[in-house]
Amino acid sequence: MIDDTMLKRMAAKPVIEEPDVVIEEEPPEQPTFCRVFTYPISGPGLSVIAIYAGIPFLWVLLLYPLPLVLRNAAFFAGLLVKGAVALSSFWYLTVCIRASAEGQCRAPNVFEYSQDDSFFAWLRQFFLIVISVSLCVAPAFILRRFVEINAVIFWSMLGVGIFLLPMCLLAMVIFDTVNALNPVLIIASIFSTFFSYLVVVLSFFVPVLLFFGLLMLKGSSVNLLLLLLIRVAGLYLLMMDAYLLGRFFYNNEEKLRWDV
């Protein structure tokens, strides 16, 4: 039998109630096209576009009311300003590739990375990109210029170079060295991710073609507002491409087996 003392102890014992488990539903994932298109749309991304597109624009506005003599004197200073902006913008594109390769879905904050990289890092990244593009595209033009190859060979070589370009750019940025342009590494990586890479190649050159279309639209125009809009759109499209490359690495890291 249960006496009064036991009943009092049982009544005094606190009743532990299990908390209700709230299961949070993950937000629906955006379609791939939407993720690519909205990648630059963030505070840091839009700020970077405003800075890189706005500095050359403001420089022109500052020089515009000056006499011709002073404008000519500031010509070399303008070249330095535009060169620094170009170098830092190329560097930021490589940051976008590395950040999206880590799984980020929004453009990174430039100030979180700029503290770790110096001007020479910007210069190195710029030359790495130039080397990648040159090795993929230049051979066809060089042979056509000096050997006079026919159109079929020229377009075939150019097509192969264009096909290899995204993987070469990605390898160069991820490894951060010119040694990444190892033909064995590049070709093996393409074959190990062939169908995914085809999608990336087709998607990669849509913003590129749009960018060159904007440059052709600009032509010899001196309309400052048009030049500003084209610069903004160009940076936006190139950031989309950077996200495409980085996301490709993130989704296929095990297949690539780059061990970085």
C-alpha atoms as a PDB file:
ATOM      1  CA  MET A   1       0.000   0.000   0.000  1.00  0.00           C
ATOM      2  CA  ILE A   2       1.034   3.563  -0.599  1.00  0.00           C
ATOM      3  CA  ASP A   3       1.072   5.590   2.621  1.00  0.00           C
ATOM      4  CA  ASP A   4       0.543   9.322   2.987  1.00  0.00           C
ATOM      5  CA  THR A   5       4.281  10.078   3.030  1.00  0.00           C
ATOM      6  CA  MET A   6       4.863   8.471  -0.364  1.00  0.00           C
ATOM      7  CA  LEU A   7       1.878  10.302  -1.806  1.00  0.00           C
ATOM      8  CA  LYS A   8       3.274  13.623  -0.592  1.00  0.00           C
ATOM      9  CA  ARG A   9       6.690  12.856  -2.122  1.00  0.00           C
ATOM     10  CA  MET A  10       5.104  11.951  -5.432  1.00  0.00           C
ATOM     11  CA  ALA A  11       3.043  15.126  -5.366  1.00  0.00           C
ATOM     12  CA  ALA A  12       6.115  17.234  -4.589  1.00  0.00           C
ATOM     13  CA  LYS A  13       8.169  15.699  -7.436  1.00  0.00           C
ATOM     14  CA  PRO A  14       8.151  18.039 -10.447  1.00  0.00           C
ATOM     15  CA  VAL A  15       6.637  16.731 -13.603  1.00  0.00           C
ATOM     16  CA  ILE A  16       9.083  17.092 -16.494  1.00  0.00           C
ATOM     17  CA  GLU A  17       7.253  17.795 -19.684  1.00  0.00           C
ATOM     18  CA  GLU A  18       9.039  17.191 -22.934  1.00  0.00           C
ATOM     19  CA  PRO A  19       9.166  20.350 -25.016  1.00  0.00           C
ATOM     20  CA  ASP A  20       7.305  20.388 -28.242  1.00  0.00           C
ATOM     21  CA  VAL A  21       9.677  19.710 -31.111  1.00  0.00           C
ATOM     22  CA  VAL A  22       9.238  22.317 -33.792  1.00  0.00           C
ATOM     23  CA  ILE A  23      10.367  21.115 -37.183  1.00  0.00           C
ATOM     24  CA  GLU A  24      11.416  24.028 -39.318  1.00  0.00           C
ATOM     25  CA  GLU A  25      10.777  23.551 -42.943  1.00  0.00           C
ATOM     26  CA  GLU A  26      13.614  24.553 -45.225  1.00  0.00           C
ATOM     27  CA  PRO A  27      12.727  27.316 -47.633  1.00  0.00           C
ATOM     28  CA  PRO A  28      12.143  26.100 -51.149  1.00  0.00           C
ATOM     29  CA  GLU A  29      15.333  26.129 -53.171  1.00  0.00           C
ATOM     30  CA  GLN A  30      15.440  28.580 -56.014  1.00  0.00           C
ATOM     31  CA  PRO A  31      15.751  27.254 -59.550  1.00  0.00           C
ATOM     32  CA  THR A  32      19.311  27.291 -60.835  1.00  0.00           C
ATOM     33  CA  PHE A  33      18.653  30.144 -63.262  1.00  0.00           C
ATOM     34  CA  CYS A  34      17.225  32.300 -60.476  1.00  0.00           C
ATOM     35  CA  ARG A  35      20.214  31.603 -58.214  1.00  0.00           C
ATOM     36  CA  VAL A  36      22.629  32.581 -60.971  1.00  0.00           C
ATOM     37  CA  PHE A  37      20.688  35.706 -61.926  1.00  0.00           C
ATOM     38  CA  THR A  38      20.240  36.923 -58.341  1.00  0.00           C
ATOM     39  CA  TYR A  39      23.800  36.129 -57.210  1.00  0.00           C
ATOM     40  CA  PRO A  40      25.060  39.750 -57.434  1.00  0.00           C
ATOM     41  CA  ILE A  41      21.893  41.068 -55.746  1.00  0.00           C
ATOM     42  CA  SER A  42      23.102  41.556 -52.199  1.00  0.00           C
ATOM     43  CA  GLY A  43      24.420  44.452 -50.169  1.00  0.00           C
ATOM     44  CA  PRO A  44      28.095  43.585 -50.771  1.00  0.00           C
ATOM     45  CA  GLY A  45      27.542  42.666 -54.427  1.00  0.00           C
ATOM     46  CA  LEU A  46      25.669  45.823 -55.355  1.00  0.00           C
ATOM     47  CA  SER A  47      28.156  47.914 -53.368  1.00  0.00           C
ATOM     48  CA  VAL A  48      31.054  46.445 -55.333  1.00  0.00           C
ATOM     49  CA  ILE A  49      29.291  47.145 -58.625  1.00  0.00           C
ATOM     50  CA  ALA A  50      28.577  50.712 -57.540  1.00  0.00           C
ATOM     51  CA  ILE A  51      32.210  51.278 -56.507  1.00  0.00           C
ATOM     52  CA  TYR A  52      33.878  49.692 -59.536  1.00  0.00           C
ATOM     53  CA  ALA A  53      31.475  51.244 -62.027  1.00  0.00           C
ATOM     54  CA  GLY A  54      31.191  54.565 -60.227  1.00  0.00           C
ATOM     55  CA  ILE A  55      34.850  55.465 -59.700  1.00  0.00           C
ATOM     56  CA  PRO A  56      35.727  55.830 -63.423  1.00  0.00           C
ATOM     57  CA  PHE A  57      32.423  57.639 -63.964  1.00  0.00           C
ATOM     58  CA  LEU A  58      33.116  60.109 -61.158  1.00  0.00           C
ATOM     59  CA  TRP A  59      36.651  60.621 -62.425  1.00  0.00           C
ATOM     60  CA  VAL A  60      35.313  61.664 -65.830  1.00  0.00           C
ATOM     61  CA  LEU A  61      32.799  63.991 -64.179  1.00  0.00           C
ATOM     62  CA  LEU A  62      35.553  65.641 -62.146  1.00  0.00           C
ATOM     63  CA  LEU A  63      37.710  66.224 -65.216  1.00  0.00           C
ATOM     64  CA  TYR A  64      34.908  67.307 -67.544  1.00  0.00           C
ATOM     65  CA  PRO A  65      34.604  70.977 -66.408  1.00  0.00           C
ATOM     66  CA  LEU A  66      38.394  71.480 -66.290  1.00  0.00           C
ATOM     67  CA  PRO A  67      40.290  73.236 -69.072  1.00  0.00           C
ATOM     68  CA  LEU A  68      41.787  71.056 -71.766  1.00  0.00           C
ATOM     69  CA  VAL A  69      45.332  71.627 -70.480  1.00  0.00           C
ATOM     70  CA  LEU A  70      44.476  70.308 -67.015  1.00  0.00           C
ATOM     71  CA  ARG A  71      42.578  67.369 -68.481  1.00  0.00           C
ATOM     72  CA  ASN A  72      45.611  66.384 -70.524  1.00  0.00           C
ATOM     73  CA  ALA A  73      47.819  66.726 -67.453  1.00  0.00           C
ATOM     74  CA  ALA A  74      45.505  64.387 -65.522  1.00  0.00           C
ATOM     75  CA  PHE A  75      45.503  61.804 -68.320  1.00  0.00           C
ATOM     76  CA  PHE A  76      48.141  59.559 -66.748  1.00  0.00           C
ATOM     77  CA  ALA A  77      46.537  59.848 -63.332  1.00  0.00           C
ATOM     78  CA  GLY A  78      43.291  58.697 -64.941  1.00  0.00           C
ATOM     79  CA  LEU A  79      45.085  55.702 -66.419  1.00  0.00           C
ATOM     80  CA  LEU A  80      46.346  54.753 -62.963  1.00  0.00           C
ATOM     81  CA  VAL A  81      42.861  55.072 -61.480  1.00  0.00           C
ATOM     82  CA  LYS A  82      41.250  53.006 -64.222  1.00  0.00           C
ATOM     83  CA  GLY A  83      44.058  50.432 -64.024  1.00  0.00           C
ATOM     84  CA  ALA A  84      43.625  50.028 -60.271  1.00  0.00           C
ATOM     85  CA  VAL A  85      39.860  49.612 -60.695  1.00  0.00           C
ATOM     86  CA  ALA A  86      40.356  47.021 -63.441  1.00  0.00           C
ATOM     87  CA  LEU A  87      42.869  45.032 -61.371  1.00  0.00           C
ATOM     88  CA  SER A  88      40.690  45.050 -58.268  1.00  0.00           C
ATOM     89  CA  SER A  89      37.588  44.086 -60.259  1.00  0.00           C
ATOM     90  CA  PHE A  90      39.371  41.073 -61.773  1.00  0.00           C
ATOM     91  CA  TRP A  91      40.569  40.154 -58.296  1.00  0.00           C
ATOM     92  CA  TYR A  92      37.022  40.403 -56.940  1.00  0.00           C
ATOM     93  CA  LEU A  93      35.753  38.072 -59.669  1.00  0.00           C
ATOM     94  CA  THR A  94      38.254  35.445 -58.495  1.00  0.00           C
ATOM     95  CA  VAL A  95      36.992  35.998 -54.945  1.00  0.00           C
ATOM     96  CA  CYS A  96      33.454  35.337 -56.193  1.00  0.00           C
ATOM     97  CA  ILE A  97      34.610  32.079 -57.785  1.00  0.00           C
ATOM     98  CA  ARG A  98      36.332  30.893 -54.595  1.00  0.00           C
ATOM     99  CA  ALA A  99      33.436  31.959 -52.367  1.00  0.00           C
ATOM    100  CA  SER A 100      30.804  30.195 -54.472  1.00  0.00           C
ATOM    101  CA  ALA A 101      33.117  27.160 -54.641  1.00  0.00           C
ATOM    102  CA  GLU A 102      32.737  27.036 -50.855  1.00  0.00           C
ATOM    103  CA  GLY A 103      28.947  27.045 -51.183  1.00  0.00           C
ATOM    104  CA  GLN A 104      28.077  30.740 -50.842  1.00  0.00           C
ATOM    105  CA  CYS A 105      25.038  31.798 -52.862  1.00  0.00           C
ATOM    106  CA  ARG A 106      25.473  35.557 -52.620  1.00  0.00           C
ATOM    107  CA  ALA A 107      28.284  37.845 -53.691  1.00  0.00           C
ATOM    108  CA  PRO A 108      30.894  38.052 -50.897  1.00  0.00           C
ATOM    109  CA  ASN A 109      31.869  41.107 -48.911  1.00  0.00           C
ATOM    110  CA  VAL A 110      34.947  42.583 -50.542  1.00  0.00           C
ATOM    111  CA  PHE A 111      36.304  43.936 -47.247  1.00  0.00           C
ATOM    112  CA  GLU A 112      36.468  40.451 -45.704  1.00  0.00           C
ATOM    113  CA  TYR A 113      38.951  39.376 -48.376  1.00  0.00           C
ATOM    114  CA  SER A 114      40.824  42.563 -49.241  1.00  0.00           C
ATOM    115  CA  GLN A 115      42.623  42.549 -45.877  1.00  0.00           C
ATOM    116  CA  ASP A 116      44.341  39.271 -46.768  1.00  0.00           C
ATOM    117  CA  ASP A 117      45.396  40.246 -50.294  1.00  0.00           C
ATOM    118  CA  SER A 118      47.767  42.989 -51.354  1.00  0.00           C
ATOM    119  CA  PHE A 119      48.104  44.914 -54.590  1.00  0.00           C
ATOM    120  CA  PHE A 120      50.481  42.226 -55.835  1.00  0.00           C
ATOM    121  CA  ALA A 121      47.766  39.620 -55.242  1.00  0.00           C
ATOM    122  CA  TRP A 122      45.434  41.672 -57.439  1.00  0.00           C
ATOM    123  CA  LEU A 123      48.149  41.833 -60.079  1.00  0.00           C
ATOM    124  CA  ARG A 124      48.771  38.084 -59.906  1.00  0.00           C
ATOM    125  CA  GLN A 125      45.085  37.248 -60.258  1.00  0.00           C
ATOM    126  CA  PHE A 126      44.801  39.586 -63.230  1.00  0.00           C
ATOM    127  CA  PHE A 127      47.708  37.936 -65.031  1.00  0.00           C
ATOM    128  CA  LEU A 128      46.420  34.451 -64.208  1.00  0.00           C
ATOM    129  CA  ILE A 129      43.132  35.297 -65.915  1.00  0.00           C
ATOM    130  CA  VAL A 130      44.918  36.853 -68.892  1.00  0.00           C
ATOM    131  CA  ILE A 131      47.159  33.779 -69.246  1.00  0.00           C
ATOM    132  CA  SER A 132      44.164  31.418 -69.093  1.00  0.00           C
ATOM    133  CA  VAL A 133      42.244  33.309 -71.771  1.00  0.00           C
ATOM    134  CA  SER A 134      45.328  33.746 -73.955  1.00  0.00           C
ATOM    135  CA  LEU A 135      46.340  30.080 -73.903  1.00  0.00           C
ATOM    136  CA  CYS A 136      42.815  29.010 -74.838  1.00  0.00           C
ATOM    137  CA  VAL A 137      41.962  31.598 -77.484  1.00  0.00           C
ATOM    138  CA  ALA A 138      45.200  33.085 -78.819  1.00  0.00           C
ATOM    139  CA  PRO A 139      46.650  30.024 -80.665  1.00  0.00           C
ATOM    140  CA  ALA A 140      43.917  30.087 -83.302  1.00  0.00           C
ATOM    141  CA  PHE A 141      44.500  33.778 -84.040  1.00  0.00           C
ATOM    142  CA  ILE A 142      48.291  33.431 -84.017  1.00  0.00           C
ATOM    143  CA  LEU A 143      48.242  30.558 -86.503  1.00  0.00           C
ATOM    144  CA  ARG A 144      45.780  32.391 -88.726  1.00  0.00           C
ATOM    145  CA  ARG A 145      48.009  35.463 -88.674  1.00  0.00           C
ATOM    146  CA  PHE A 146      51.362  33.792 -89.376  1.00  0.00           C
ATOM    147  CA  VAL A 147      50.518  30.424 -91.002  1.00  0.00           C
ATOM    148  CA  GLU A 148      47.348  31.449 -92.846  1.00  0.00           C
ATOM    149  CA  ILE A 149      45.302  28.396 -91.873  1.00  0.00           C
ATOM    150  CA  ASN A 150      41.930  27.917 -93.532  1.00  0.00           C
ATOM    151  CA  ALA A 151      38.632  28.844 -91.908  1.00  0.00           C
ATOM    152  CA  VAL A 152      37.736  25.285 -90.875  1.00  0.00           C
ATOM    153  CA  ILE A 153      40.941  24.806 -88.889  1.00  0.00           C
ATOM    154  CA  PHE A 154      40.684  28.288 -87.396  1.00  0.00           C
ATOM    155  CA  TRP A 155      37.115  27.863 -86.143  1.00  0.00           C
ATOM    156  CA  SER A 156      37.847  24.331 -84.925  1.00  0.00           C
ATOM    157  CA  MET A 157      40.815  25.514 -82.861  1.00  0.00           C
ATOM    158  CA  LEU A 158      38.869  28.485 -81.568  1.00  0.00           C
ATOM    159  CA  GLY A 159      35.940  26.238 -80.626  1.00  0.00           C
ATOM    160  CA  VAL A 160      38.209  23.862 -78.705  1.00  0.00           C
ATOM    161  CA  GLY A 161      39.819  26.781 -76.883  1.00  0.00           C
ATOM    162  CA  ILE A 162      36.445  28.242 -75.959  1.00  0.00           C
ATOM    163  CA  PHE A 163      35.300  24.837 -74.727  1.00  0.00           C
ATOM    164  CA  LEU A 164      38.378  24.496 -72.493  1.00  0.00           C
ATOM    165  CA  LEU A 165      38.277  28.077 -71.199  1.00  0.00           C
ATOM    166  CA  PRO A 166      35.828  27.720 -68.256  1.00  0.00           C
ATOM    167  CA  MET A 167      37.706  24.727 -66.809  1.00  0.00           C
ATOM    168  CA  CYS A 168      41.057  26.475 -67.272  1.00  0.00           C
ATOM    169  CA  LEU A 169      39.793  29.602 -65.505  1.00  0.00           C
ATOM    170  CA  LEU A 170      38.354  27.548 -62.657  1.00  0.00           C
ATOM    171  CA  ALA A 171      41.537  25.519 -62.188  1.00  0.00           C
ATOM    172  CA  MET A 172      43.703  28.628 -62.298  1.00  0.00           C
ATOM    173  CA  VAL A 173      41.625  30.383 -59.621  1.00  0.00           C
ATOM    174  CA  ILE A 174      41.219  27.361 -57.321  1.00  0.00           C
ATOM    175  CA  PHE A 175      44.894  26.355 -57.433  1.00  0.00           C
ATOM    176  CA  ASP A 176      46.084  29.977 -57.699  1.00  0.00           C
ATOM    177  CA  THR A 177      49.015  29.011 -59.904  1.00  0.00           C
ATOM    178  CA  VAL A 178      49.822  28.752 -63.595  1.00  0.00           C
ATOM    179  CA  ASN A 179      50.738  25.098 -63.015  1.00  0.00           C
ATOM    180  CA  ALA A 180      47.002  24.384 -62.890  1.00  0.00           C
ATOM    181  CA  LEU A 181      46.933  24.595 -66.691  1.00  0.00           C
ATOM    182  CA  ASN A 182      48.212  21.033 -66.874  1.00  0.00           C
ATOM    183  CA  PRO A 183      46.539  19.497 -69.967  1.00  0.00           C
ATOM    184  CA  VAL A 184      46.178  16.137 -68.213  1.00  0.00           C
ATOM    185  CA  LEU A 185      44.403  17.766 -65.262  1.00  0.00           C
ATOM    186  CA  ILE A 186      42.120  19.874 -67.465  1.00  0.00           C
ATOM    187  CA  ILE A 187      41.097  17.058 -69.832  1.00  0.00           C
ATOM    188  CA  ALA A 188      40.635  14.520 -67.014  1.00  0.00           C
ATOM    189  CA  SER A 189      38.481  17.008 -65.106  1.00  0.00           C
ATOM    190  CA  ILE A 190      36.294  17.630 -68.153  1.00  0.00           C
ATOM    191  CA  PHE A 191      35.739  13.931 -68.778  1.00  0.00           C
ATOM    192  CA  SER A 192      34.947  13.213 -65.131  1.00  0.00           C
ATOM    193  CA  THR A 193      32.213  15.886 -65.140  1.00  0.00           C
ATOM    194  CA  PHE A 194      31.365  15.862 -68.834  1.00  0.00           C
ATOM    195  CA  PHE A 195      27.602  16.429 -68.869  1.00  0.00           C
ATOM    196  CA  SER A 196      27.659  18.919 -66.012  1.00  0.00           C
ATOM    197  CA  TYR A 197      30.512  20.732 -67.720  1.00  0.00           C
ATOM    198  CA  LEU A 198      28.555  20.959 -70.982  1.00  0.00           C
ATOM    199  CA  VAL A 199      25.786  22.775 -69.137  1.00  0.00           C
ATOM    200  CA  VAL A 200      28.318  25.132 -67.554  1.00  0.00           C
ATOM    201  CA  VAL A 201      29.967  25.909 -70.903  1.00  0.00           C
ATOM    202  CA  LEU A 202      26.637  26.758 -72.522  1.00  0.00           C
ATOM    203  CA  SER A 203      25.546  28.825 -69.528  1.00  0.00           C
ATOM    204  CA  PHE A 204      28.942  30.505 -69.111  1.00  0.00           C
ATOM    205  CA  PHE A 205      28.998  32.102 -72.543  1.00  0.00           C
ATOM    206  CA  VAL A 206      25.497  33.574 -72.407  1.00  0.00           C
ATOM    207  CA  PRO A 207      26.625  36.425 -70.082  1.00  0.00           C
ATOM    208  CA  VAL A 208      29.890  36.690 -72.049  1.00  0.00           C
ATOM    209  CA  LEU A 209      28.028  37.206 -75.332  1.00  0.00           C
ATOM    210  CA  LEU A 210      25.714  39.716 -73.683  1.00  0.00           C
ATOM    211  CA  PHE A 211      28.746  41.562 -72.321  1.00  0.00           C
ATOM    212  CA  PHE A 212      30.375  41.804 -75.755  1.00  0.00           C
ATOM    213  CA  GLY A 213      27.028  42.853 -77.186  1.00  0.00           C
ATOM    214  CA  LEU A 214      27.005  45.750 -74.739  1.00  0.00           C
ATOM    215  CA  LEU A 215      30.522  46.723 -75.802  1.00  0.00           C
ATOM    216  CA  MET A 216      29.437  46.729 -79.433  1.00  0.00           C
ATOM    217  CA  LEU A 217      26.422  48.835 -78.466  1.00  0.00           C
ATOM    218  CA  LYS A 218      28.732  51.335 -76.825  1.00  0.00           C
ATOM    219  CA  GLY A 219      30.953  51.639 -79.906  1.00  0.00           C
ATOM    220  CA  SER A 220      32.536  55.081 -79.928  1.00  0.00           C
ATOM    221  CA  SER A 221      29.771  56.666 -77.868  1.00  0.00           C
ATOM    222  CA  VAL A 222      30.749  59.358 -75.360  1.00  0.00           C
ATOM    223  CA  ASN A 223      27.392  59.383 -73.575  1.00  0.00           C
ATOM    224  CA  LEU A 224      28.458  59.164 -69.917  1.00  0.00           C
ATOM    225  CA  LEU A 225      25.184  57.707 -68.694  1.00  0.00           C
ATOM    226  CA  LEU A 226      25.261  54.990 -71.350  1.00  0.00           C
ATOM    227  CA  LEU A 227      28.874  54.164 -70.452  1.00  0.00           C
ATOM    228  CA  LEU A 228      27.933  53.906 -66.772  1.00  0.00           C
ATOM    229  CA  LEU A 229      24.992  51.586 -67.483  1.00  0.00           C
ATOM    230  CA  ILE A 230      27.138  49.364 -69.702  1.00  0.00           C
ATOM    231  CA  ARG A 231      29.839  49.141 -67.034  1.00  0.00           C
ATOM    232  CA  VAL A 232      27.254  48.203 -64.385  1.00  0.00           C
ATOM    233  CA  ALA A 233      25.653  45.571 -66.617  1.00  0.00           C
ATOM    234  CA  GLY A 234      29.058  44.181 -67.600  1.00  0.00           C
ATOM    235  CA  LEU A 235      30.160  43.702 -63.996  1.00  0.00           C
ATOM    236  CA  TYR A 236      26.803  42.133 -63.146  1.00  0.00           C
ATOM    237  CA  LEU A 237      27.132  39.598 -65.981  1.00  0.00           C
ATOM    238  CA  LEU A 238      30.734  38.731 -65.107  1.00  0.00           C
ATOM    239  CA  MET A 239      29.736  38.107 -61.475  1.00  0.00           C
ATOM    240  CA  MET A 240      27.084  35.706 -62.729  1.00  0.00           C
ATOM    241  CA  ASP A 241      29.787  33.828 -64.631  1.00  0.00           C
ATOM    242  CA  ALA A 242      32.002  33.739 -61.549  1.00  0.00           C
ATOM    243  CA  TYR A 243      29.165  32.164 -59.576  1.00  0.00           C
ATOM    244  CA  LEU A 244      28.580  29.576 -62.301  1.00  0.00           C
ATOM    245  CA  LEU A 245      32.198  28.422 -62.188  1.00  0.00           C
ATOM    246  CA  GLY A 246      32.385  28.320 -58.402  1.00  0.00           C
ATOM    247  CA  ARG A 247      29.079  26.498 -58.059  1.00  0.00           C
ATOM    248  CA  PHE A 248      30.196  23.946 -60.634  1.00  0.00           C
ATOM    249  CA  PHE A 249      33.221  23.155 -58.460  1.00  0.00           C
ATOM    250  CA  TYR A 250      31.035  22.989 -55.327  1.00  0.00           C
ATOM    251  CA  ASN A 251      28.638  20.509 -56.947  1.00  0.00           C
ATOM    252  CA  ASN A 252      31.356  18.345 -58.524  1.00  0.00           C
ATOM    253  CA  GLU A 253      34.200  18.546 -56.024  1.00  0.00           C
ATOM    254  CA  GLU A 254      34.254  14.781 -55.426  1.00  0.00           C
ATOM    255  CA  LYS A 255      34.333  14.022 -59.152  1.00  0.00           C
ATOM    256  CA  LEU A 256      37.079  16.544 -59.818  1.00  0.00           C
ATOM    257  CA  ARG A 257      39.265  15.231 -56.971  1.00  0.00           C
ATOM    258  CA  TRP A 258      41.551  18.257 -57.017  1.00  0.00           C
ATOM    259  CA  ASP A 259      42.479  17.889 -53.333  1.00  0.00           C
ATOM    260  CA  VAL A 260      42.679  21.605 -52.611  1.00  0.00           C
END
